[in-house]
Amino acid sequence: MEGLLRILKEFPNRKITVIGDVMLDTYKYGTALKLSPEAPVPVVVNPSTINFPGGAANVASNISSLHGKVSLFGFIGKDAAGKILSKLLAERNVDFFPSYSDKTTQKERIACQQHIVRVDYENTDSKSLNNASLEGEIRGSDLIVISDYAKGAITRNLIERIKSLGKPIIADPKPRNIQFYYGISVIKMNQNEAFEVSGENEIYSAGKILAEKFSSNVIITRGSEGVVLFGKLSAEFPASARNVSDITGAGDTFLAALSLSLSSGAKLEDAVLISNYASGIAISKKGTYSVKLSELEREILGEEVKIKTFEELLEIVKELREKKRKIVWTNGCFDLLHAGHSRHLRECKKFGDYLLVGVNSDSSARQNKANLPGPRPVMGEEERAEVISSFGCVDYVIIFPELDTTRYLTAFKPDFYVKGGEYCLETINQKEKEIVNSYGGKIVFTGDKINSTTKVIERIRNS
C-alpha cells in the first residue's frame, strides 16, 4: 500500500483539464406519508433542495477535492441553474471556462428514503466549443479527461483537435459517440455500455473486442462485481464499497481518481486500484459526492477513522447540513468508561441522525478535574477518544483542548446539545447556553448522572 500512498502524495502537483457535458444535479428530499388521490404515487411534503455539480462538473469537483488542479470546459445556459452551477464550481476551486447554450443541463431527483422520480432538462443538439482558453489550458495540463454524456458538448472535430495537441487522454463516452475515441490512452465504460458497443453479452469477450477495436486500454465497471481492465495488461478488481448508499456520480469519481493517478506516474493497474477505492467511497455516500484525499488515504490503509480534526469535522458538518441531517453534540472527559457513559451516548443518538462527541484533551481534563483526588485523567486523550469511537452510536469524535465548547457549538451549530442528568439549565455553562439559543438549537438532558468515574476510582482504591 505504500506505493499507492506515494502516488496520492503527487496529486497536488498535477493539473488536469476536463472537457464535456457539465450539468447540475438537484435533489429534493422530503417526507411521503400518503398516496396521492389523483394517481398511485406518493405525495412528497415540504422537500428541501440540495444542488451538486454533475457530469463533467462532478469529475472536475472530485479532482479538486482530491487536491489536484483542474480546469473545466463545457456548456451552460444563462439561467438560474447555470448561475448555481458556476457558484458551486467556484466554491470547489474549479477553474470553469463556460460556453453558453440555450439551457443548463439539469437532473432533478425527488426522493424520500429512495429516489421516486428524476426529471431531466437538457438540449442534446451538437454544440461548437470554441473557447479561446482551451488550447492553452490543455498545453499546461498533464492529462485530458473527456466526460461525454452525449448532451452535445463533444463532437468528432473537437476530439480530433484535442488529439492533435499530443496530451494523454482518458474518456468516459456514451455508446452514441464511441467512434470518436479510437487510439486514446484509456476508454472507461460500464458493463451495459460495453455490451451494447461490442455486441457481446459476456464481459471478457466484450472487453477484448473493445480493446482491439479501439486500440486503447479499456476499463469496464461492473457495479457490485468490481472492475475489469483490458489492453496490454488485463486484470480484475473486486468492488471496494462496503456500504452502497447511492451510485450517482461514482463513475465520475472513478474518472477523477484515474486521471490524477495516471498523471502522477502510476501504472495503469495501480491507477485502476486507486480509482476503485475512490468510487467505493462515493457509492457509500448519499447524493453526488466529491471524495476527499484524506478519505481516500484512509480507505487505502483500511482505516475507518471516526476521530477528526476540527477542520475535517467542520467540512463534514457542512455536508451534513446541505443534506438536512440532524446533528447532535455532547462532550466530556469520558475517563474510565462505565455504564452511565454508555447509556448517555445511546440516548444522545436518539435525538438526531449524527452524533458528534467532544473529548477533553489531557490538559483540559486536568484543569476541569483539578479539585478531585488523584491524577486525572487516568486514561490518555487518544485512548479515551479511541474507546468512544468504538461505540456504534457515535459517528465522529474530536479531541478539544479548551475548557468549554463554545468554539465547537459556534462552528457546528448542533441541532441538539445534550448534557448528562447531573446538569440543568441553571448549572450548565451559560455562554454555551447563549450560543445554542442564538441559532435556535435545543439543549436537552439525559436521565443518567454520568459523573461517577470518581466513585469507580474510589472503589478500585478501596478494593
Protein backbone atom coordinates (compact mmCIF):
# COMPACT_ATOMS: atom_id res chain seq x y z
CA MET A 1 0.00 0.00 0.00
CA GLU A 2 2.97 2.34 0.46
CA GLY A 3 3.33 2.59 -3.32
CA LEU A 4 -0.29 3.69 -3.68
CA LEU A 5 0.11 6.30 -0.94
CA ARG A 6 3.21 7.69 -2.67
CA ILE A 7 1.09 8.19 -5.79
CA LEU A 8 -1.54 10.06 -3.77
CA LYS A 9 1.13 12.45 -2.46
CA GLU A 10 1.69 13.58 -6.07
CA PHE A 11 -1.96 14.57 -6.62
CA PRO A 12 -1.49 18.22 -5.51
CA ASN A 13 1.23 18.64 -8.19
CA ARG A 14 -0.98 17.56 -11.08
CA LYS A 15 -3.05 19.69 -13.48
CA ILE A 16 -5.98 18.13 -15.35
CA THR A 17 -8.24 19.63 -18.00
CA VAL A 18 -11.79 18.25 -18.08
CA ILE A 19 -13.95 18.71 -21.19
CA GLY A 20 -17.51 17.51 -21.52
CA ASP A 21 -21.15 17.74 -20.60
CA VAL A 22 -21.49 19.73 -17.39
CA MET A 23 -24.76 19.56 -15.52
CA LEU A 24 -26.46 20.47 -12.27
CA ASP A 25 -27.60 17.61 -10.05
CA THR A 26 -30.56 18.71 -7.93
CA TYR A 27 -32.02 16.65 -5.09
CA LYS A 28 -35.36 17.35 -3.46
CA TYR A 29 -35.57 15.38 -0.21
CA GLY A 30 -38.93 15.21 1.55
CA THR A 31 -41.29 13.01 3.53
CA ALA A 32 -44.02 10.88 1.96
CA LEU A 33 -46.80 9.97 4.38
CA LYS A 34 -49.61 9.22 1.94
CA LEU A 35 -50.50 8.38 -1.64
CA SER A 36 -52.00 10.96 -3.94
CA PRO A 37 -55.78 10.63 -4.52
CA GLU A 38 -55.10 11.63 -8.15
CA ALA A 39 -52.76 8.75 -9.02
CA PRO A 40 -50.98 5.84 -7.26
CA VAL A 41 -47.92 7.93 -6.41
CA PRO A 42 -46.58 9.22 -3.08
CA VAL A 43 -47.12 12.84 -2.04
CA VAL A 44 -43.74 14.35 -1.06
CA VAL A 45 -44.25 17.01 1.59
CA ASN A 46 -42.05 20.10 2.06
CA PRO A 47 -38.97 18.86 0.17
CA SER A 48 -35.63 20.57 0.81
CA THR A 49 -33.43 21.28 -2.20
CA ILE A 50 -29.71 20.47 -2.45
CA ASN A 51 -27.55 21.12 -5.53
CA PHE A 52 -24.30 19.46 -6.64
CA PRO A 53 -22.08 19.65 -9.74
CA GLY A 54 -22.92 16.77 -12.08
CA GLY A 55 -21.44 15.09 -15.15
CA ALA A 56 -18.15 16.63 -16.26
CA ALA A 57 -18.56 19.19 -13.46
CA ASN A 58 -18.61 16.35 -10.91
CA VAL A 59 -15.41 14.93 -12.42
CA ALA A 60 -13.77 18.34 -12.01
CA SER A 61 -15.13 18.74 -8.47
CA ASN A 62 -13.66 15.37 -7.48
CA ILE A 63 -10.27 16.25 -8.97
CA SER A 64 -10.27 19.41 -6.87
CA SER A 65 -11.37 17.64 -3.67
CA LEU A 66 -8.53 15.15 -4.28
CA HIS A 67 -6.20 18.20 -4.25
CA GLY A 68 -5.49 18.26 -7.99
CA LYS A 69 -5.57 21.45 -10.05
CA VAL A 70 -8.35 21.41 -12.62
CA SER A 71 -9.81 23.47 -15.45
CA LEU A 72 -13.24 22.67 -16.87
CA PHE A 73 -14.80 23.36 -20.27
CA GLY A 74 -18.46 22.83 -21.11
CA PHE A 75 -21.79 24.47 -21.85
CA ILE A 76 -24.28 26.08 -19.50
CA GLY A 77 -27.26 28.33 -20.07
CA LYS A 78 -27.63 31.91 -18.90
CA ASP A 79 -30.28 30.69 -16.49
CA ALA A 80 -30.74 30.08 -12.77
CA ALA A 81 -29.29 26.55 -12.97
CA GLY A 82 -26.20 27.90 -14.75
CA LYS A 83 -25.64 30.51 -12.06
CA ILE A 84 -25.99 27.91 -9.30
CA LEU A 85 -23.57 25.55 -11.03
CA SER A 86 -20.98 28.29 -11.62
CA LYS A 87 -21.15 29.27 -7.95
CA LEU A 88 -20.76 25.65 -6.81
CA LEU A 89 -17.70 25.18 -9.01
CA ALA A 90 -16.10 28.39 -7.75
CA GLU A 91 -16.63 27.21 -4.16
CA ARG A 92 -14.88 23.95 -5.06
CA ASN A 93 -11.84 25.72 -6.58
CA VAL A 94 -12.60 24.56 -10.12
CA ASP A 95 -11.42 26.93 -12.90
CA PHE A 96 -14.52 26.91 -15.08
CA PHE A 97 -14.41 28.24 -18.64
CA PRO A 98 -18.08 28.13 -19.70
CA SER A 99 -19.50 28.34 -23.18
CA TYR A 100 -23.20 29.15 -23.50
CA SER A 101 -26.21 27.36 -24.96
CA ASP A 102 -29.93 27.91 -24.51
CA LYS A 103 -30.19 25.99 -21.21
CA THR A 104 -28.17 24.28 -18.49
CA THR A 105 -28.47 20.51 -18.39
CA GLN A 106 -30.08 19.65 -15.06
CA LYS A 107 -31.08 16.35 -13.46
CA GLU A 108 -33.65 16.84 -10.72
CA ARG A 109 -34.26 13.90 -8.39
CA ILE A 110 -37.19 13.79 -5.97
CA ALA A 111 -36.61 11.43 -3.08
CA CYS A 112 -37.79 10.30 0.33
CA GLN A 113 -35.67 7.43 1.58
CA GLN A 114 -35.13 6.48 -2.08
CA HIS A 115 -35.49 8.21 -5.44
CA ILE A 116 -39.08 8.43 -6.60
CA VAL A 117 -38.62 10.19 -9.93
CA ARG A 118 -35.96 12.02 -11.96
CA VAL A 119 -36.73 14.97 -14.23
CA ASP A 120 -34.15 15.99 -16.86
CA TYR A 121 -33.81 19.41 -18.50
CA GLU A 122 -31.46 19.26 -21.47
CA ASN A 123 -30.59 20.20 -25.03
CA THR A 124 -28.70 17.40 -26.81
CA ASP A 125 -28.02 19.30 -30.06
CA SER A 126 -24.36 19.35 -31.12
CA LYS A 127 -22.57 22.49 -29.98
CA SER A 128 -19.31 24.10 -31.07
CA LEU A 129 -16.85 24.56 -28.22
CA ASN A 130 -14.64 27.44 -29.39
CA ASN A 131 -13.38 28.76 -26.06
CA ALA A 132 -10.22 30.76 -26.65
CA SER A 133 -8.61 29.41 -23.48
CA LEU A 134 -8.99 25.73 -24.41
CA GLU A 135 -5.70 25.05 -26.16
CA GLY A 136 -3.67 26.99 -23.62
CA GLU A 137 -5.20 25.06 -20.72
CA ILE A 138 -4.62 21.74 -22.48
CA ARG A 139 -0.97 22.56 -23.17
CA GLY A 140 -0.47 23.40 -19.50
CA SER A 141 -2.09 20.17 -18.27
CA ASP A 142 -0.66 16.75 -17.54
CA LEU A 143 -3.67 14.86 -18.88
CA ILE A 144 -7.05 15.45 -20.52
CA VAL A 145 -10.34 13.94 -19.35
CA ILE A 146 -13.35 13.79 -21.66
CA SER A 147 -16.64 13.24 -19.84
CA ASP A 148 -19.10 12.56 -22.66
CA TYR A 149 -22.73 12.16 -21.63
CA ALA A 150 -23.91 12.65 -25.25
CA LYS A 151 -25.54 16.00 -24.41
CA GLY A 152 -23.95 17.76 -27.39
CA ALA A 153 -20.71 19.20 -26.00
CA ILE A 154 -18.43 16.56 -27.56
CA THR A 155 -18.07 16.36 -31.36
CA ARG A 156 -15.71 14.47 -33.65
CA ASN A 157 -13.97 17.70 -34.68
CA LEU A 158 -13.38 18.64 -31.05
CA ILE A 159 -11.84 15.24 -30.26
CA GLU A 160 -9.52 15.47 -33.29
CA ARG A 161 -8.48 18.94 -32.19
CA ILE A 162 -7.70 17.67 -28.68
CA LYS A 163 -5.77 14.65 -30.03
CA SER A 164 -3.60 16.95 -32.17
CA LEU A 165 -2.19 18.59 -29.03
CA GLY A 166 -0.45 15.37 -28.01
CA LYS A 167 -1.59 15.01 -24.40
CA PRO A 168 -2.68 11.69 -22.82
CA ILE A 169 -6.47 11.37 -22.98
CA ILE A 170 -8.89 9.28 -20.96
CA ALA A 171 -12.57 9.29 -21.78
CA ASP A 172 -15.90 8.10 -20.44
CA PRO A 173 -18.11 8.12 -23.56
CA LYS A 174 -21.68 7.12 -24.20
CA PRO A 175 -22.12 4.49 -26.95
CA ARG A 176 -23.60 7.12 -29.28
CA ASN A 177 -20.18 8.81 -29.64
CA ILE A 178 -17.84 5.85 -29.13
CA GLN A 179 -16.47 6.07 -32.69
CA PHE A 180 -14.72 9.36 -31.80
CA TYR A 181 -12.29 7.72 -29.41
CA TYR A 182 -10.04 5.42 -31.44
CA GLY A 183 -6.45 5.36 -30.20
CA ILE A 184 -6.78 7.37 -26.98
CA SER A 185 -4.99 6.22 -23.81
CA VAL A 186 -7.95 4.83 -21.85
CA ILE A 187 -11.65 4.33 -22.50
CA LYS A 188 -13.91 3.75 -19.47
CA MET A 189 -17.48 2.46 -19.72
CA ASN A 190 -19.93 0.48 -17.65
CA GLN A 191 -20.89 -3.10 -18.36
CA ASN A 192 -24.16 -2.34 -20.14
CA GLU A 193 -22.42 0.16 -22.43
CA ALA A 194 -19.67 -2.39 -23.17
CA PHE A 195 -22.23 -5.00 -24.15
CA GLU A 196 -24.05 -2.52 -26.38
CA VAL A 197 -20.93 -1.36 -28.22
CA SER A 198 -19.28 -4.79 -28.58
CA GLY A 199 -22.41 -6.76 -29.43
CA GLU A 200 -21.38 -9.33 -26.81
CA ASN A 201 -23.11 -10.33 -23.59
CA GLU A 202 -20.08 -11.77 -21.80
CA ILE A 203 -17.70 -9.36 -20.09
CA TYR A 204 -14.37 -10.89 -21.14
CA SER A 205 -15.33 -11.27 -24.78
CA ALA A 206 -16.71 -7.73 -24.81
CA GLY A 207 -13.59 -6.23 -23.23
CA LYS A 208 -11.19 -8.00 -25.56
CA ILE A 209 -13.15 -6.91 -28.65
CA LEU A 210 -13.31 -3.29 -27.48
CA ALA A 211 -9.60 -3.06 -26.62
CA GLU A 212 -8.66 -4.39 -30.08
CA LYS A 213 -11.29 -2.39 -31.97
CA PHE A 214 -10.33 0.98 -30.47
CA SER A 215 -6.62 0.26 -29.92
CA SER A 216 -6.96 1.55 -26.37
CA ASN A 217 -6.88 0.30 -22.84
CA VAL A 218 -10.48 -0.36 -21.83
CA ILE A 219 -11.82 -0.25 -18.28
CA ILE A 220 -15.26 -1.75 -17.67
CA THR A 221 -17.00 -1.00 -14.38
CA ARG A 222 -19.46 -3.63 -13.13
CA GLY A 223 -21.05 -2.17 -10.01
CA SER A 224 -21.06 -4.71 -7.17
CA GLU A 225 -18.94 -7.09 -9.29
CA GLY A 226 -15.99 -4.72 -9.46
CA VAL A 227 -13.85 -3.53 -12.37
CA VAL A 228 -12.12 -5.30 -15.26
CA LEU A 229 -9.17 -3.88 -17.24
CA PHE A 230 -8.40 -4.90 -20.83
CA GLY A 231 -5.46 -3.93 -23.09
CA LYS A 232 -1.73 -4.58 -22.90
CA LEU A 233 -2.45 -5.79 -19.38
CA SER A 234 -5.67 -7.46 -18.28
CA ALA A 235 -6.73 -7.55 -14.63
CA GLU A 236 -9.82 -7.88 -12.48
CA PHE A 237 -10.55 -5.83 -9.34
CA PRO A 238 -13.29 -6.69 -6.82
CA ALA A 239 -15.70 -3.97 -5.70
CA SER A 240 -14.34 -1.96 -2.79
CA ALA A 241 -17.60 -0.45 -1.44
CA ARG A 242 -18.71 -1.93 1.89
CA ASN A 243 -21.99 0.01 2.07
CA VAL A 244 -23.91 1.07 -1.02
CA SER A 245 -25.94 4.22 -0.37
CA ASP A 246 -26.22 5.90 -3.79
CA ILE A 247 -24.43 5.06 -7.04
CA THR A 248 -25.00 8.53 -8.52
CA GLY A 249 -21.73 10.03 -9.78
CA ALA A 250 -19.50 7.10 -8.82
CA GLY A 251 -18.25 6.82 -12.40
CA ASP A 252 -17.23 10.49 -12.33
CA THR A 253 -15.27 9.89 -9.11
CA PHE A 254 -13.54 6.90 -10.71
CA LEU A 255 -12.56 9.02 -13.71
CA ALA A 256 -11.19 11.82 -11.49
CA ALA A 257 -9.01 9.49 -9.43
CA LEU A 258 -7.85 7.66 -12.56
CA SER A 259 -6.72 10.91 -14.19
CA LEU A 260 -4.74 12.04 -11.15
CA SER A 261 -3.20 8.61 -10.62
CA LEU A 262 -2.04 8.20 -14.22
CA SER A 263 -0.70 11.76 -14.40
CA SER A 264 1.18 11.07 -11.14
CA GLY A 265 3.09 8.24 -12.79
CA ALA A 266 1.04 5.27 -11.59
CA LYS A 267 1.00 2.05 -13.55
CA LEU A 268 -2.41 1.52 -15.11
CA GLU A 269 -3.29 -1.35 -12.80
CA ASP A 270 -2.38 0.73 -9.73
CA ALA A 271 -4.36 3.69 -11.09
CA VAL A 272 -7.42 1.45 -11.51
CA LEU A 273 -6.99 0.11 -7.97
CA ILE A 274 -6.86 3.65 -6.51
CA SER A 275 -9.88 4.70 -8.60
CA ASN A 276 -11.80 1.65 -7.43
CA TYR A 277 -11.21 2.70 -3.82
CA ALA A 278 -12.36 6.25 -4.61
CA SER A 279 -15.60 5.20 -6.31
CA GLY A 280 -16.29 2.84 -3.39
CA ILE A 281 -16.26 5.83 -1.07
CA ALA A 282 -18.59 7.77 -3.39
CA ILE A 283 -21.07 4.89 -3.51
CA SER A 284 -21.22 4.81 0.29
CA LYS A 285 -22.43 8.45 0.40
CA LYS A 286 -25.84 9.86 -0.40
CA GLY A 287 -26.19 12.09 -3.47
CA THR A 288 -23.46 13.26 -5.82
CA TYR A 289 -20.30 13.27 -3.71
CA SER A 290 -16.77 14.65 -4.08
CA VAL A 291 -14.30 12.33 -2.39
CA LYS A 292 -11.56 13.91 -0.29
CA LEU A 293 -7.90 12.96 -0.43
CA SER A 294 -7.82 12.19 3.30
CA GLU A 295 -10.77 9.81 2.88
CA LEU A 296 -9.01 8.02 0.03
CA GLU A 297 -5.83 7.66 2.06
CA ARG A 298 -7.76 6.11 4.95
CA GLU A 299 -9.65 3.78 2.61
CA ILE A 300 -6.41 2.50 1.10
CA LEU A 301 -4.96 1.98 4.56
CA GLY A 302 -8.11 0.12 5.57
CA GLU A 303 -8.91 2.58 8.31
CA GLU A 304 -12.42 3.72 9.15
CA VAL A 305 -11.43 6.65 11.31
CA LYS A 306 -14.07 8.47 13.35
CA ILE A 307 -11.60 10.73 15.18
CA LYS A 308 -11.39 14.02 13.26
CA THR A 309 -9.55 17.30 13.37
CA PHE A 310 -11.56 20.50 13.74
CA GLU A 311 -11.13 21.30 10.03
CA GLU A 312 -12.19 17.81 8.94
CA LEU A 313 -15.25 17.80 11.16
CA LEU A 314 -16.22 21.30 10.06
CA GLU A 315 -16.26 20.12 6.43
CA ILE A 316 -18.26 17.02 7.36
CA VAL A 317 -20.83 19.12 9.25
CA LYS A 318 -21.17 21.42 6.24
CA GLU A 319 -22.03 18.43 4.04
CA LEU A 320 -24.48 17.07 6.60
CA ARG A 321 -26.16 20.47 6.78
CA GLU A 322 -26.55 20.50 2.98
CA LYS A 323 -28.37 17.18 3.26
CA LYS A 324 -30.61 18.44 6.10
CA ARG A 325 -29.32 15.92 8.63
CA LYS A 326 -29.96 16.45 12.34
CA ILE A 327 -26.73 16.86 14.31
CA VAL A 328 -26.27 16.04 18.00
CA TRP A 329 -23.34 17.19 20.12
CA THR A 330 -22.22 16.01 23.55
CA ASN A 331 -18.89 16.25 25.29
CA GLY A 332 -16.97 15.18 28.37
CA CYS A 333 -13.78 13.72 29.75
CA PHE A 334 -15.02 10.10 29.39
CA ASP A 335 -12.32 8.79 31.73
CA LEU A 336 -12.70 5.11 32.72
CA LEU A 337 -15.86 4.42 30.73
CA HIS A 338 -18.77 2.88 32.62
CA ALA A 339 -22.46 2.07 32.09
CA GLY A 340 -23.54 5.67 32.71
CA HIS A 341 -21.43 6.84 29.75
CA SER A 342 -22.80 4.08 27.55
CA ARG A 343 -26.43 4.90 28.36
CA HIS A 344 -25.78 8.61 27.85
CA LEU A 345 -24.28 8.11 24.38
CA ARG A 346 -27.13 5.85 23.27
CA GLU A 347 -29.66 8.40 24.49
CA CYS A 348 -27.81 11.19 22.66
CA LYS A 349 -28.06 9.38 19.32
CA LYS A 350 -31.85 9.17 19.62
CA PHE A 351 -32.13 12.94 19.17
CA GLY A 352 -30.75 13.07 15.62
CA ASP A 353 -29.00 11.48 12.67
CA TYR A 354 -25.32 12.06 13.52
CA LEU A 355 -23.71 12.11 16.97
CA LEU A 356 -20.56 14.21 17.43
CA VAL A 357 -18.67 13.67 20.67
CA GLY A 358 -16.13 16.11 22.07
CA VAL A 359 -13.48 14.53 24.31
CA ASN A 360 -11.47 16.73 26.66
CA SER A 361 -7.75 16.74 25.95
CA ASP A 362 -5.47 15.67 28.78
CA SER A 363 -4.67 19.29 29.63
CA SER A 364 -8.29 20.48 29.72
CA ALA A 365 -9.36 17.36 31.64
CA ARG A 366 -6.67 18.02 34.27
CA GLN A 367 -7.90 21.58 34.73
CA ASN A 368 -11.57 20.58 34.88
CA LYS A 369 -10.85 17.80 37.38
CA ALA A 370 -8.27 19.71 39.46
CA ASN A 371 -10.44 19.62 42.60
CA LEU A 372 -10.77 15.81 42.52
CA PRO A 373 -8.37 13.45 44.31
CA GLY A 374 -5.68 11.55 42.42
CA PRO A 375 -4.18 12.14 38.99
CA ARG A 376 -6.82 12.81 36.35
CA PRO A 377 -7.41 11.77 33.69
CA VAL A 378 -6.39 8.18 34.26
CA MET A 379 -6.54 7.36 30.52
CA GLY A 380 -4.79 9.46 27.87
CA GLU A 381 -6.77 11.56 25.41
CA GLU A 382 -6.08 9.37 22.37
CA GLU A 383 -7.04 6.24 24.27
CA ARG A 384 -10.26 7.83 25.53
CA ALA A 385 -11.15 9.08 22.04
CA GLU A 386 -10.49 5.66 20.52
CA VAL A 387 -12.74 3.94 23.06
CA ILE A 388 -15.55 6.45 22.44
CA SER A 389 -15.22 6.00 18.67
CA SER A 390 -15.76 2.24 19.08
CA PHE A 391 -19.42 2.85 20.04
CA GLY A 392 -21.73 2.18 17.11
CA CYS A 393 -23.99 5.07 18.10
CA VAL A 394 -21.07 7.54 17.82
CA ASP A 395 -20.39 8.93 14.36
CA TYR A 396 -17.48 11.34 14.91
CA VAL A 397 -15.12 12.22 17.74
CA ILE A 398 -12.96 15.30 18.26
CA ILE A 399 -10.40 15.97 21.00
CA PHE A 400 -10.64 19.56 22.23
CA PRO A 401 -8.13 21.44 24.44
CA GLU A 402 -10.44 24.26 25.60
CA LEU A 403 -12.15 24.37 28.99
CA ASP A 404 -15.56 24.84 27.34
CA THR A 405 -17.11 24.01 23.96
CA THR A 406 -18.12 27.50 22.81
CA ARG A 407 -15.86 27.24 19.73
CA TYR A 408 -17.47 23.99 18.64
CA LEU A 409 -21.06 24.98 19.32
CA THR A 410 -20.48 28.19 17.33
CA ALA A 411 -18.89 26.36 14.39
CA PHE A 412 -21.01 23.20 14.23
CA LYS A 413 -24.36 24.62 15.42
CA PRO A 414 -25.73 21.23 16.50
CA ASP A 415 -29.50 20.85 16.47
CA PHE A 416 -29.25 19.26 19.93
CA TYR A 417 -26.68 19.91 22.65
CA VAL A 418 -27.02 17.04 25.13
CA LYS A 419 -25.79 17.07 28.72
CA GLY A 420 -25.95 14.41 31.41
CA GLY A 421 -28.58 14.25 34.10
CA GLU A 422 -26.33 15.87 36.71
CA TYR A 423 -26.80 19.19 34.87
CA CYS A 424 -29.75 21.53 34.36
CA LEU A 425 -30.23 24.85 32.51
CA GLU A 426 -29.05 26.79 35.57
CA THR A 427 -25.83 24.82 36.10
CA ILE A 428 -24.50 24.41 32.55
CA ASN A 429 -22.02 26.89 31.08
CA GLN A 430 -24.18 29.98 30.45
CA LYS A 431 -22.12 31.14 27.46
CA GLU A 432 -22.68 27.77 25.81
CA LYS A 433 -26.39 28.14 26.57
CA GLU A 434 -26.49 31.58 24.91
CA ILE A 435 -24.76 30.27 21.77
CA VAL A 436 -27.18 27.36 21.34
CA ASN A 437 -30.19 29.62 21.91
CA SER A 438 -28.82 32.18 19.41
CA TYR A 439 -29.14 29.86 16.41
CA GLY A 440 -32.30 28.06 17.54
CA GLY A 441 -30.73 24.84 18.81
CA LYS A 442 -32.08 22.83 21.73
CA ILE A 443 -30.37 21.92 24.99
CA VAL A 444 -31.56 18.59 26.37
CA PHE A 445 -30.58 16.40 29.29
CA THR A 446 -30.38 12.63 29.58
CA GLY A 447 -31.77 10.96 32.68
CA ASP A 448 -28.50 9.47 33.88
CA LYS A 449 -25.94 11.16 36.05
CA ILE A 450 -22.72 10.20 34.28
CA ASN A 451 -20.16 11.77 36.62
CA SER A 452 -19.43 8.59 38.61
CA THR A 453 -15.87 7.97 37.37
CA THR A 454 -14.60 9.28 40.70
CA LYS A 455 -16.67 6.65 42.53
CA VAL A 456 -15.25 3.96 40.23
CA ILE A 457 -11.72 5.10 41.11
CA GLU A 458 -12.58 5.11 44.83
CA ARG A 459 -13.89 1.52 44.62
CA ILE A 460 -10.70 0.44 42.86
CA ARG A 461 -8.53 2.06 45.53
CA ASN A 462 -10.54 0.52 48.34
CA SER A 463 -10.65 -2.97 46.86
